[in-house]
């Protein structure tokens, strides 16, 4: 199941998995990335629930939090160690 999803999200993953430089990876980095991405997903959902079709100004933070969550979860769940290290800026 992981390979078809990696192929589907390859445009996102390629940006973070590319490169040949050294990186520092620890398993806790992946866990923290998934946790923070889930937190951003919760924030995006909360903004949408609070808005409930009201002001359009609420849409911008919901989209930003949602995109950050989507990229973080994609890299955290499907990306390799280099991609996770690149998210954190580890070299």
PDB file of N, CA and C in Angstrom:
ATOM      1  N   UNK A   1       0.818  -1.195   0.000  1.00  0.00           N
ATOM      2  CA  UNK A   1       0.000   0.000   0.000  1.00  0.00           C
ATOM      3  C   UNK A   1       0.866   1.264   0.000  1.00  0.00           C
ATOM      4  N   UNK A   2       2.049   1.155   0.601  1.00  0.00           N
ATOM      5  CA  UNK A   2       2.890   2.337   0.712  1.00  0.00           C
ATOM      6  C   UNK A   2       3.443   2.770  -0.655  1.00  0.00           C
ATOM      7  N   UNK A   3       3.802   1.819  -1.500  1.00  0.00           N
ATOM      8  CA  UNK A   3       4.395   2.157  -2.800  1.00  0.00           C
ATOM      9  C   UNK A   3       3.426   2.906  -3.724  1.00  0.00           C
ATOM     10  N   UNK A   4       2.169   2.490  -3.842  1.00  0.00           N
ATOM     11  CA  UNK A   4       1.253   3.284  -4.676  1.00  0.00           C
ATOM     12  C   UNK A   4       1.056   4.704  -4.139  1.00  0.00           C
ATOM     13  N   UNK A   5       1.020   4.850  -2.814  1.00  0.00           N
ATOM     14  CA  UNK A   5       0.876   6.188  -2.239  1.00  0.00           C
ATOM     15  C   UNK A   5       2.128   7.021  -2.473  1.00  0.00           C
ATOM     16  N   UNK A   6       3.311   6.392  -2.384  1.00  0.00           N
ATOM     17  CA  UNK A   6       4.558   7.112  -2.665  1.00  0.00           C
ATOM     18  C   UNK A   6       4.581   7.584  -4.111  1.00  0.00           C
ATOM     19  N   UNK A   7       4.050   6.763  -5.012  1.00  0.00           N
ATOM     20  CA  UNK A   7       4.009   7.148  -6.421  1.00  0.00           C
ATOM     21  C   UNK A   7       3.022   8.293  -6.640  1.00  0.00           C
ATOM     22  N   UNK A   8       1.896   8.251  -5.947  1.00  0.00           N
ATOM     23  CA  UNK A   8       0.892   9.299  -6.073  1.00  0.00           C
ATOM     24  C   UNK A   8       1.425  10.642  -5.563  1.00  0.00           C
ATOM     25  N   UNK A   9       2.143  10.620  -4.449  1.00  0.00           N
ATOM     26  CA  UNK A   9       2.660  11.849  -3.842  1.00  0.00           C
ATOM     27  C   UNK A   9       4.120  12.110  -4.194  1.00  0.00           C
ATOM     28  N   UNK A  10       4.603  11.516  -5.265  1.00  0.00           N
ATOM     29  CA  UNK A  10       6.009  11.676  -5.648  1.00  0.00           C
ATOM     30  C   UNK A  10       6.418  13.122  -5.931  1.00  0.00           C
ATOM     31  N   UNK A  11       5.563  13.991  -6.467  1.00  0.00           N
ATOM     32  CA  UNK A  11       6.015  15.377  -6.660  1.00  0.00           C
ATOM     33  C   UNK A  11       6.408  16.060  -5.345  1.00  0.00           C
ATOM     34  N   UNK A  12       5.681  15.775  -4.281  1.00  0.00           N
ATOM     35  CA  UNK A  12       6.027  16.357  -2.982  1.00  0.00           C
ATOM     36  C   UNK A  12       7.267  15.688  -2.420  1.00  0.00           C
ATOM     37  N   UNK A  13       7.310  14.366  -2.503  1.00  0.00           N
ATOM     38  CA  UNK A  13       8.414  13.626  -1.899  1.00  0.00           C
ATOM     39  C   UNK A  13       9.742  13.872  -2.605  1.00  0.00           C
ATOM     40  N   UNK A  14       9.711  14.032  -3.928  1.00  0.00           N
ATOM     41  CA  UNK A  14      10.952  14.261  -4.668  1.00  0.00           C
ATOM     42  C   UNK A  14      11.644  15.543  -4.227  1.00  0.00           C
ATOM     43  N   UNK A  15      10.879  16.550  -3.896  1.00  0.00           N
ATOM     44  CA  UNK A  15      11.471  17.816  -3.467  1.00  0.00           C
ATOM     45  C   UNK A  15      12.263  17.647  -2.174  1.00  0.00           C
ATOM     46  N   UNK A  16      11.818  16.763  -1.302  1.00  0.00           N
ATOM     47  CA  UNK A  16      12.493  16.586  -0.024  1.00  0.00           C
ATOM     48  C   UNK A  16      13.490  15.437  -0.019  1.00  0.00           C
ATOM     49  N   UNK A  17      13.329  14.482  -0.925  1.00  0.00           N
ATOM     50  CA  UNK A  17      14.221  13.323  -0.945  1.00  0.00           C
ATOM     51  C   UNK A  17      15.421  13.516  -1.851  1.00  0.00           C
ATOM     52  N   UNK A  18      15.450  14.572  -2.630  1.00  0.00           N
ATOM     53  CA  UNK A  18      16.552  14.777  -3.557  1.00  0.00           C
ATOM     54  C   UNK A  18      17.786  15.278  -2.808  1.00  0.00           C
ATOM     55  N   UNK A  19      18.932  15.089  -3.428  1.00  0.00           N
ATOM     56  CA  UNK A  19      20.173  15.568  -2.849  1.00  0.00           C
ATOM     57  C   UNK A  19      21.090  14.420  -2.477  1.00  0.00           C
ATOM     58  N   UNK A  20      22.351  14.741  -2.348  1.00  0.00           N
ATOM     59  CA  UNK A  20      23.330  13.717  -1.983  1.00  0.00           C
ATOM     60  C   UNK A  20      24.174  14.146  -0.785  1.00  0.00           C
ATOM     61  N   UNK A  21      23.822  15.278  -0.190  1.00  0.00           N
ATOM     62  CA  UNK A  21      24.586  15.746   0.957  1.00  0.00           C
ATOM     63  C   UNK A  21      24.252  14.909   2.193  1.00  0.00           C
ATOM     64  N   UNK A  22      25.124  14.988   3.194  1.00  0.00           N
ATOM     65  CA  UNK A  22      24.919  14.227   4.411  1.00  0.00           C
ATOM     66  C   UNK A  22      23.774  14.830   5.216  1.00  0.00           C
ATOM     67  N   UNK A  23      23.152  14.005   6.023  1.00  0.00           N
ATOM     68  CA  UNK A  23      22.055  14.478   6.854  1.00  0.00           C
ATOM     69  C   UNK A  23      22.086  13.734   8.181  1.00  0.00           C
ATOM     70  N   UNK A  24      21.456  14.343   9.170  1.00  0.00           N
ATOM     71  CA  UNK A  24      21.358  13.730  10.495  1.00  0.00           C
ATOM     72  C   UNK A  24      19.895  13.390  10.729  1.00  0.00           C
ATOM     73  N   UNK A  25      19.647  12.117  10.966  1.00  0.00           N
ATOM     74  CA  UNK A  25      18.274  11.658  11.174  1.00  0.00           C
ATOM     75  C   UNK A  25      18.188  10.893  12.484  1.00  0.00           C
ATOM     76  N   UNK A  26      17.140  11.173  13.230  1.00  0.00           N
ATOM     77  CA  UNK A  26      16.818  10.405  14.430  1.00  0.00           C
ATOM     78  C   UNK A  26      15.353  10.006  14.335  1.00  0.00           C
ATOM     79  N   UNK A  27      15.017   8.806  14.792  1.00  0.00           N
ATOM     80  CA  UNK A  27      13.611   8.364  14.702  1.00  0.00           C
ATOM     81  C   UNK A  27      12.627   9.316  15.386  1.00  0.00           C
ATOM     82  N   UNK A  28      13.082  10.023  16.404  1.00  0.00           N
ATOM     83  CA  UNK A  28      12.184  10.955  17.083  1.00  0.00           C
ATOM     84  C   UNK A  28      11.786  12.114  16.173  1.00  0.00           C
ATOM     85  N   UNK A  29      12.620  12.446  15.186  1.00  0.00           N
ATOM     86  CA  UNK A  29      12.282  13.519  14.253  1.00  0.00           C
ATOM     87  C   UNK A  29      11.001  13.185  13.490  1.00  0.00           C
ATOM     88  N   UNK A  30      10.868  11.937  13.074  1.00  0.00           N
ATOM     89  CA  UNK A  30       9.670  11.515  12.323  1.00  0.00           C
ATOM     90  C   UNK A  30       8.435  11.580  13.225  1.00  0.00           C
ATOM     91  N   UNK A  31       8.576  11.118  14.467  1.00  0.00           N
ATOM     92  CA  UNK A  31       7.442  11.137  15.397  1.00  0.00           C
ATOM     93  C   UNK A  31       6.990  12.562  15.692  1.00  0.00           C
ATOM     94  N   UNK A  32       7.944  13.458  15.891  1.00  0.00           N
ATOM     95  CA  UNK A  32       7.610  14.851  16.167  1.00  0.00           C
ATOM     96  C   UNK A  32       6.961  15.495  14.947  1.00  0.00           C
ATOM     97  N   UNK A  33       7.462  15.187  13.746  1.00  0.00           N
ATOM     98  CA  UNK A  33       6.884  15.732  12.518  1.00  0.00           C
ATOM     99  C   UNK A  33       5.432  15.289  12.363  1.00  0.00           C
ATOM    100  N   UNK A  34       5.154  14.027  12.609  1.00  0.00           N
ATOM    101  CA  UNK A  34       3.784  13.525  12.500  1.00  0.00           C
ATOM    102  C   UNK A  34       2.897  14.176  13.555  1.00  0.00           C
ATOM    103  N   UNK A  35       3.410  14.324  14.776  1.00  0.00           N
ATOM    104  CA  UNK A  35       2.627  14.951  15.837  1.00  0.00           C
ATOM    105  C   UNK A  35       2.309  16.411  15.502  1.00  0.00           C
ATOM    106  N   UNK A  36       3.305  17.166  15.071  1.00  0.00           N
ATOM    107  CA  UNK A  36       3.074  18.573  14.735  1.00  0.00           C
ATOM    108  C   UNK A  36       2.147  18.724  13.530  1.00  0.00           C
ATOM    109  N   UNK A  37       2.264  17.819  12.569  1.00  0.00           N
ATOM    110  CA  UNK A  37       1.371  17.864  11.411  1.00  0.00           C
ATOM    111  C   UNK A  37      -0.072  17.573  11.822  1.00  0.00           C
ATOM    112  N   UNK A  38      -0.240  16.630  12.741  1.00  0.00           N
ATOM    113  CA  UNK A  38      -1.586  16.349  13.248  1.00  0.00           C
ATOM    114  C   UNK A  38      -2.133  17.556  14.018  1.00  0.00           C
ATOM    115  N   UNK A  39      -1.262  18.247  14.723  1.00  0.00           N
ATOM    116  CA  UNK A  39      -1.661  19.455  15.445  1.00  0.00           C
ATOM    117  C   UNK A  39      -2.121  20.539  14.464  1.00  0.00           C
ATOM    118  N   UNK A  40      -1.387  20.725  13.376  1.00  0.00           N
ATOM    119  CA  UNK A  40      -1.786  21.694  12.362  1.00  0.00           C
ATOM    120  C   UNK A  40      -3.096  21.278  11.692  1.00  0.00           C
ATOM    121  N   UNK A  41      -3.306  19.979  11.502  1.00  0.00           N
ATOM    122  CA  UNK A  41      -4.578  19.516  10.950  1.00  0.00           C
ATOM    123  C   UNK A  41      -5.715  19.859  11.899  1.00  0.00           C
ATOM    124  N   UNK A  42      -5.478  19.678  13.189  1.00  0.00           N
ATOM    125  CA  UNK A  42      -6.483  20.049  14.181  1.00  0.00           C
ATOM    126  C   UNK A  42      -6.773  21.534  14.163  1.00  0.00           C
ATOM    127  N   UNK A  43      -5.733  22.356  14.018  1.00  0.00           N
ATOM    128  CA  UNK A  43      -5.940  23.803  13.941  1.00  0.00           C
ATOM    129  C   UNK A  43      -6.757  24.184  12.712  1.00  0.00           C
ATOM    130  N   UNK A  44      -6.448  23.574  11.579  1.00  0.00           N
ATOM    131  CA  UNK A  44      -7.198  23.866  10.357  1.00  0.00           C
ATOM    132  C   UNK A  44      -8.656  23.461  10.516  1.00  0.00           C
ATOM    133  N   UNK A  45      -8.882  22.312  11.108  1.00  0.00           N
ATOM    134  CA  UNK A  45     -10.258  21.856  11.329  1.00  0.00           C
ATOM    135  C   UNK A  45     -10.988  22.772  12.293  1.00  0.00           C
ATOM    136  N   UNK A  46     -10.300  23.194  13.349  1.00  0.00           N
ATOM    137  CA  UNK A  46     -10.907  24.080  14.330  1.00  0.00           C
ATOM    138  C   UNK A  46     -11.305  25.420  13.710  1.00  0.00           C
ATOM    139  N   UNK A  47     -10.439  25.953  12.850  1.00  0.00           N
ATOM    140  CA  UNK A  47     -10.753  27.221  12.187  1.00  0.00           C
ATOM    141  C   UNK A  47     -11.991  27.061  11.303  1.00  0.00           C
ATOM    142  N   UNK A  48     -12.075  25.944  10.600  1.00  0.00           N
ATOM    143  CA  UNK A  48     -13.243  25.716   9.740  1.00  0.00           C
ATOM    144  C   UNK A  48     -14.519  25.526  10.553  1.00  0.00           C
ATOM    145  N   UNK A  49     -14.411  24.852  11.695  1.00  0.00           N
ATOM    146  CA  UNK A  49     -15.590  24.643  12.542  1.00  0.00           C
ATOM    147  C   UNK A  49     -16.046  25.961  13.151  1.00  0.00           C
ATOM    148  N   UNK A  50     -15.101  26.774  13.592  1.00  0.00           N
ATOM    149  CA  UNK A  50     -15.451  28.067  14.181  1.00  0.00           C
ATOM    150  C   UNK A  50     -16.109  28.966  13.136  1.00  0.00           C
ATOM    151  N   UNK A  51     -15.617  28.910  11.900  1.00  0.00           N
ATOM    152  CA  UNK A  51     -16.141  29.769  10.845  1.00  0.00           C
ATOM    153  C   UNK A  51     -17.558  29.373  10.436  1.00  0.00           C
ATOM    154  N   UNK A  52     -17.790  28.123  10.128  1.00  0.00           N
ATOM    155  CA  UNK A  52     -19.087  27.588   9.697  1.00  0.00           C
ATOM    156  C   UNK A  52     -19.764  28.405   8.605  1.00  0.00           C
ATOM    157  N   UNK A  53     -19.012  28.683   7.544  1.00  0.00           N
ATOM    158  CA  UNK A  53     -19.599  29.369   6.407  1.00  0.00           C
ATOM    159  C   UNK A  53     -19.767  30.854   6.590  1.00  0.00           C
ATOM    160  N   UNK A  54     -19.113  31.426   7.545  1.00  0.00           N
ATOM    161  CA  UNK A  54     -19.237  32.861   7.805  1.00  0.00           C
ATOM    162  C   UNK A  54     -18.231  33.660   6.995  1.00  0.00           C
ATOM    163  N   UNK A  55     -17.400  34.379   7.690  1.00  0.00           N
ATOM    164  CA  UNK A  55     -16.440  35.285   7.073  1.00  0.00           C
ATOM    165  C   UNK A  55     -15.415  34.528   6.229  1.00  0.00           C
ATOM    166  N   UNK A  56     -15.067  35.072   5.067  1.00  0.00           N
ATOM    167  CA  UNK A  56     -14.116  34.443   4.163  1.00  0.00           C
ATOM    168  C   UNK A  56     -12.678  34.599   4.689  1.00  0.00           C
ATOM    169  N   UNK A  57     -12.452  35.533   5.585  1.00  0.00           N
ATOM    170  CA  UNK A  57     -11.123  35.756   6.138  1.00  0.00           C
ATOM    171  C   UNK A  57     -10.598  34.566   6.915  1.00  0.00           C
ATOM    172  N   UNK A  58     -11.492  33.720   7.406  1.00  0.00           N
ATOM    173  CA  UNK A  58     -11.076  32.522   8.123  1.00  0.00           C
ATOM    174  C   UNK A  58     -10.493  31.466   7.191  1.00  0.00           C
ATOM    175  N   UNK A  59     -10.764  31.591   5.925  1.00  0.00           N
ATOM    176  CA  UNK A  59     -10.335  30.580   4.974  1.00  0.00           C
ATOM    177  C   UNK A  59      -8.819  30.563   4.794  1.00  0.00           C
ATOM    178  N   UNK A  60      -8.175  31.719   4.847  1.00  0.00           N
ATOM    179  CA  UNK A  60      -6.725  31.776   4.639  1.00  0.00           C
ATOM    180  C   UNK A  60      -5.949  30.977   5.685  1.00  0.00           C
ATOM    181  N   UNK A  61      -6.175  31.172   6.988  1.00  0.00           N
ATOM    182  CA  UNK A  61      -5.430  30.357   7.950  1.00  0.00           C
ATOM    183  C   UNK A  61      -5.772  28.874   7.848  1.00  0.00           C
ATOM    184  N   UNK A  62      -6.998  28.553   7.518  1.00  0.00           N
ATOM    185  CA  UNK A  62      -7.371  27.146   7.382  1.00  0.00           C
ATOM    186  C   UNK A  62      -6.606  26.494   6.231  1.00  0.00           C
ATOM    187  N   UNK A  63      -6.467  27.207   5.124  1.00  0.00           N
ATOM    188  CA  UNK A  63      -5.733  26.670   3.979  1.00  0.00           C
ATOM    189  C   UNK A  63      -4.250  26.534   4.305  1.00  0.00           C
ATOM    190  N   UNK A  64      -3.678  27.541   4.959  1.00  0.00           N
ATOM    191  CA  UNK A  64      -2.249  27.479   5.312  1.00  0.00           C
ATOM    192  C   UNK A  64      -1.988  26.331   6.277  1.00  0.00           C
ATOM    193  N   UNK A  65      -2.778  26.239   7.352  1.00  0.00           N
ATOM    194  CA  UNK A  65      -2.599  25.146   8.312  1.00  0.00           C
ATOM    195  C   UNK A  65      -2.837  23.792   7.643  1.00  0.00           C
ATOM    196  N   UNK A  66      -3.803  23.720   6.756  1.00  0.00           N
ATOM    197  CA  UNK A  66      -4.092  22.476   6.055  1.00  0.00           C
ATOM    198  C   UNK A  66      -2.958  22.040   5.138  1.00  0.00           C
ATOM    199  N   UNK A  67      -2.369  22.989   4.416  1.00  0.00           N
ATOM    200  CA  UNK A  67      -1.248  22.647   3.526  1.00  0.00           C
ATOM    201  C   UNK A  67      -0.020  22.214   4.316  1.00  0.00           C
ATOM    202  N   UNK A  68       0.268  22.923   5.396  1.00  0.00           N
ATOM    203  CA  UNK A  68       1.407  22.531   6.246  1.00  0.00           C
ATOM    204  C   UNK A  68       1.175  21.135   6.797  1.00  0.00           C
ATOM    205  N   UNK A  69      -0.031  20.861   7.227  1.00  0.00           N
ATOM    206  CA  UNK A  69      -0.368  19.543   7.749  1.00  0.00           C
ATOM    207  C   UNK A  69      -0.240  18.467   6.675  1.00  0.00           C
ATOM    208  N   UNK A  70      -0.736  18.757   5.491  1.00  0.00           N
ATOM    209  CA  UNK A  70      -0.691  17.785   4.392  1.00  0.00           C
ATOM    210  C   UNK A  70       0.739  17.425   4.019  1.00  0.00           C
ATOM    211  N   UNK A  71       1.587  18.436   3.852  1.00  0.00           N
ATOM    212  CA  UNK A  71       2.985  18.181   3.487  1.00  0.00           C
ATOM    213  C   UNK A  71       3.696  17.443   4.618  1.00  0.00           C
ATOM    214  N   UNK A  72       3.482  17.865   5.849  1.00  0.00           N
ATOM    215  CA  UNK A  72       4.136  17.216   6.982  1.00  0.00           C
ATOM    216  C   UNK A  72       3.729  15.768   7.145  1.00  0.00           C
ATOM    217  N   UNK A  73       2.452  15.487   7.024  1.00  0.00           N
ATOM    218  CA  UNK A  73       1.987  14.105   7.134  1.00  0.00           C
ATOM    219  C   UNK A  73       2.464  13.253   5.967  1.00  0.00           C
ATOM    220  N   UNK A  74       2.485  13.826   4.786  1.00  0.00           N
ATOM    221  CA  UNK A  74       2.973  13.085   3.622  1.00  0.00           C
ATOM    222  C   UNK A  74       4.432  12.693   3.799  1.00  0.00           C
ATOM    223  N   UNK A  75       5.263  13.646   4.192  1.00  0.00           N
ATOM    224  CA  UNK A  75       6.685  13.358   4.380  1.00  0.00           C
ATOM    225  C   UNK A  75       6.888  12.455   5.590  1.00  0.00           C
ATOM    226  N   UNK A  76       6.153  12.702   6.667  1.00  0.00           N
ATOM    227  CA  UNK A  76       6.322  11.905   7.874  1.00  0.00           C
ATOM    228  C   UNK A  76       5.900  10.460   7.712  1.00  0.00           C
ATOM    229  N   UNK A  77       4.849  10.219   6.970  1.00  0.00           N
ATOM    230  CA  UNK A  77       4.339   8.857   6.824  1.00  0.00           C
ATOM    231  C   UNK A  77       4.908   8.115   5.620  1.00  0.00           C
ATOM    232  N   UNK A  78       5.227   8.836   4.541  1.00  0.00           N
ATOM    233  CA  UNK A  78       5.659   8.166   3.315  1.00  0.00           C
ATOM    234  C   UNK A  78       7.109   8.438   2.937  1.00  0.00           C
ATOM    235  N   UNK A  79       7.696   9.512   3.443  1.00  0.00           N
ATOM    236  CA  UNK A  79       9.034   9.908   3.023  1.00  0.00           C
ATOM    237  C   UNK A  79      10.127   9.074   3.659  1.00  0.00           C
ATOM    238  N   UNK A  80      11.300   9.108   3.027  1.00  0.00           N
ATOM    239  CA  UNK A  80      12.440   8.401   3.594  1.00  0.00           C
ATOM    240  C   UNK A  80      13.123   9.270   4.659  1.00  0.00           C
ATOM    241  N   UNK A  81      14.206   8.745   5.223  1.00  0.00           N
ATOM    242  CA  UNK A  81      14.897   9.448   6.300  1.00  0.00           C
ATOM    243  C   UNK A  81      15.457  10.790   5.846  1.00  0.00           C
ATOM    244  N   UNK A  82      15.944  10.857   4.611  1.00  0.00           N
ATOM    245  CA  UNK A  82      16.494  12.109   4.087  1.00  0.00           C
ATOM    246  C   UNK A  82      15.417  13.197   4.020  1.00  0.00           C
ATOM    247  N   UNK A  83      14.208  12.818   3.619  1.00  0.00           N
ATOM    248  CA  UNK A  83      13.120  13.797   3.515  1.00  0.00           C
ATOM    249  C   UNK A  83      12.764  14.367   4.888  1.00  0.00           C
ATOM    250  N   UNK A  84      12.714  13.502   5.891  1.00  0.00           N
ATOM    251  CA  UNK A  84      12.397  13.972   7.241  1.00  0.00           C
ATOM    252  C   UNK A  84      13.495  14.878   7.752  1.00  0.00           C
ATOM    253  N   UNK A  85      14.741  14.504   7.509  1.00  0.00           N
ATOM    254  CA  UNK A  85      15.872  15.341   7.949  1.00  0.00           C
ATOM    255  C   UNK A  85      15.867  16.677   7.216  1.00  0.00           C
ATOM    256  N   UNK A  86      15.467  16.672   5.954  1.00  0.00           N
ATOM    257  CA  UNK A  86      15.432  17.927   5.182  1.00  0.00           C
ATOM    258  C   UNK A  86      14.349  18.862   5.690  1.00  0.00           C
ATOM    259  N   UNK A  87      13.229  18.304   6.147  1.00  0.00           N
ATOM    260  CA  UNK A  87      12.177  19.134   6.732  1.00  0.00           C
ATOM    261  C   UNK A  87      12.726  19.890   7.942  1.00  0.00           C
ATOM    262  N   UNK A  88      13.512  19.195   8.772  1.00  0.00           N
ATOM    263  CA  UNK A  88      14.059  19.803   9.981  1.00  0.00           C
ATOM    264  C   UNK A  88      15.299  20.627   9.708  1.00  0.00           C
ATOM    265  N   UNK A  89      15.847  20.535   8.514  1.00  0.00           N
ATOM    266  CA  UNK A  89      17.058  21.297   8.201  1.00  0.00           C
ATOM    267  C   UNK A  89      18.307  20.663   8.778  1.00  0.00           C
ATOM    268  N   UNK A  90      18.262  19.371   9.071  1.00  0.00           N
ATOM    269  CA  UNK A  90      19.419  18.682   9.649  1.00  0.00           C
ATOM    270  C   UNK A  90      20.457  18.413   8.587  1.00  0.00           C
ATOM    271  N   UNK A  91      21.683  18.746   8.882  1.00  0.00           N
ATOM    272  CA  UNK A  91      22.788  18.491   7.946  1.00  0.00           C
ATOM    273  C   UNK A  91      23.923  17.847   8.659  1.00  0.00           C
TER     274      UNK A  91
END
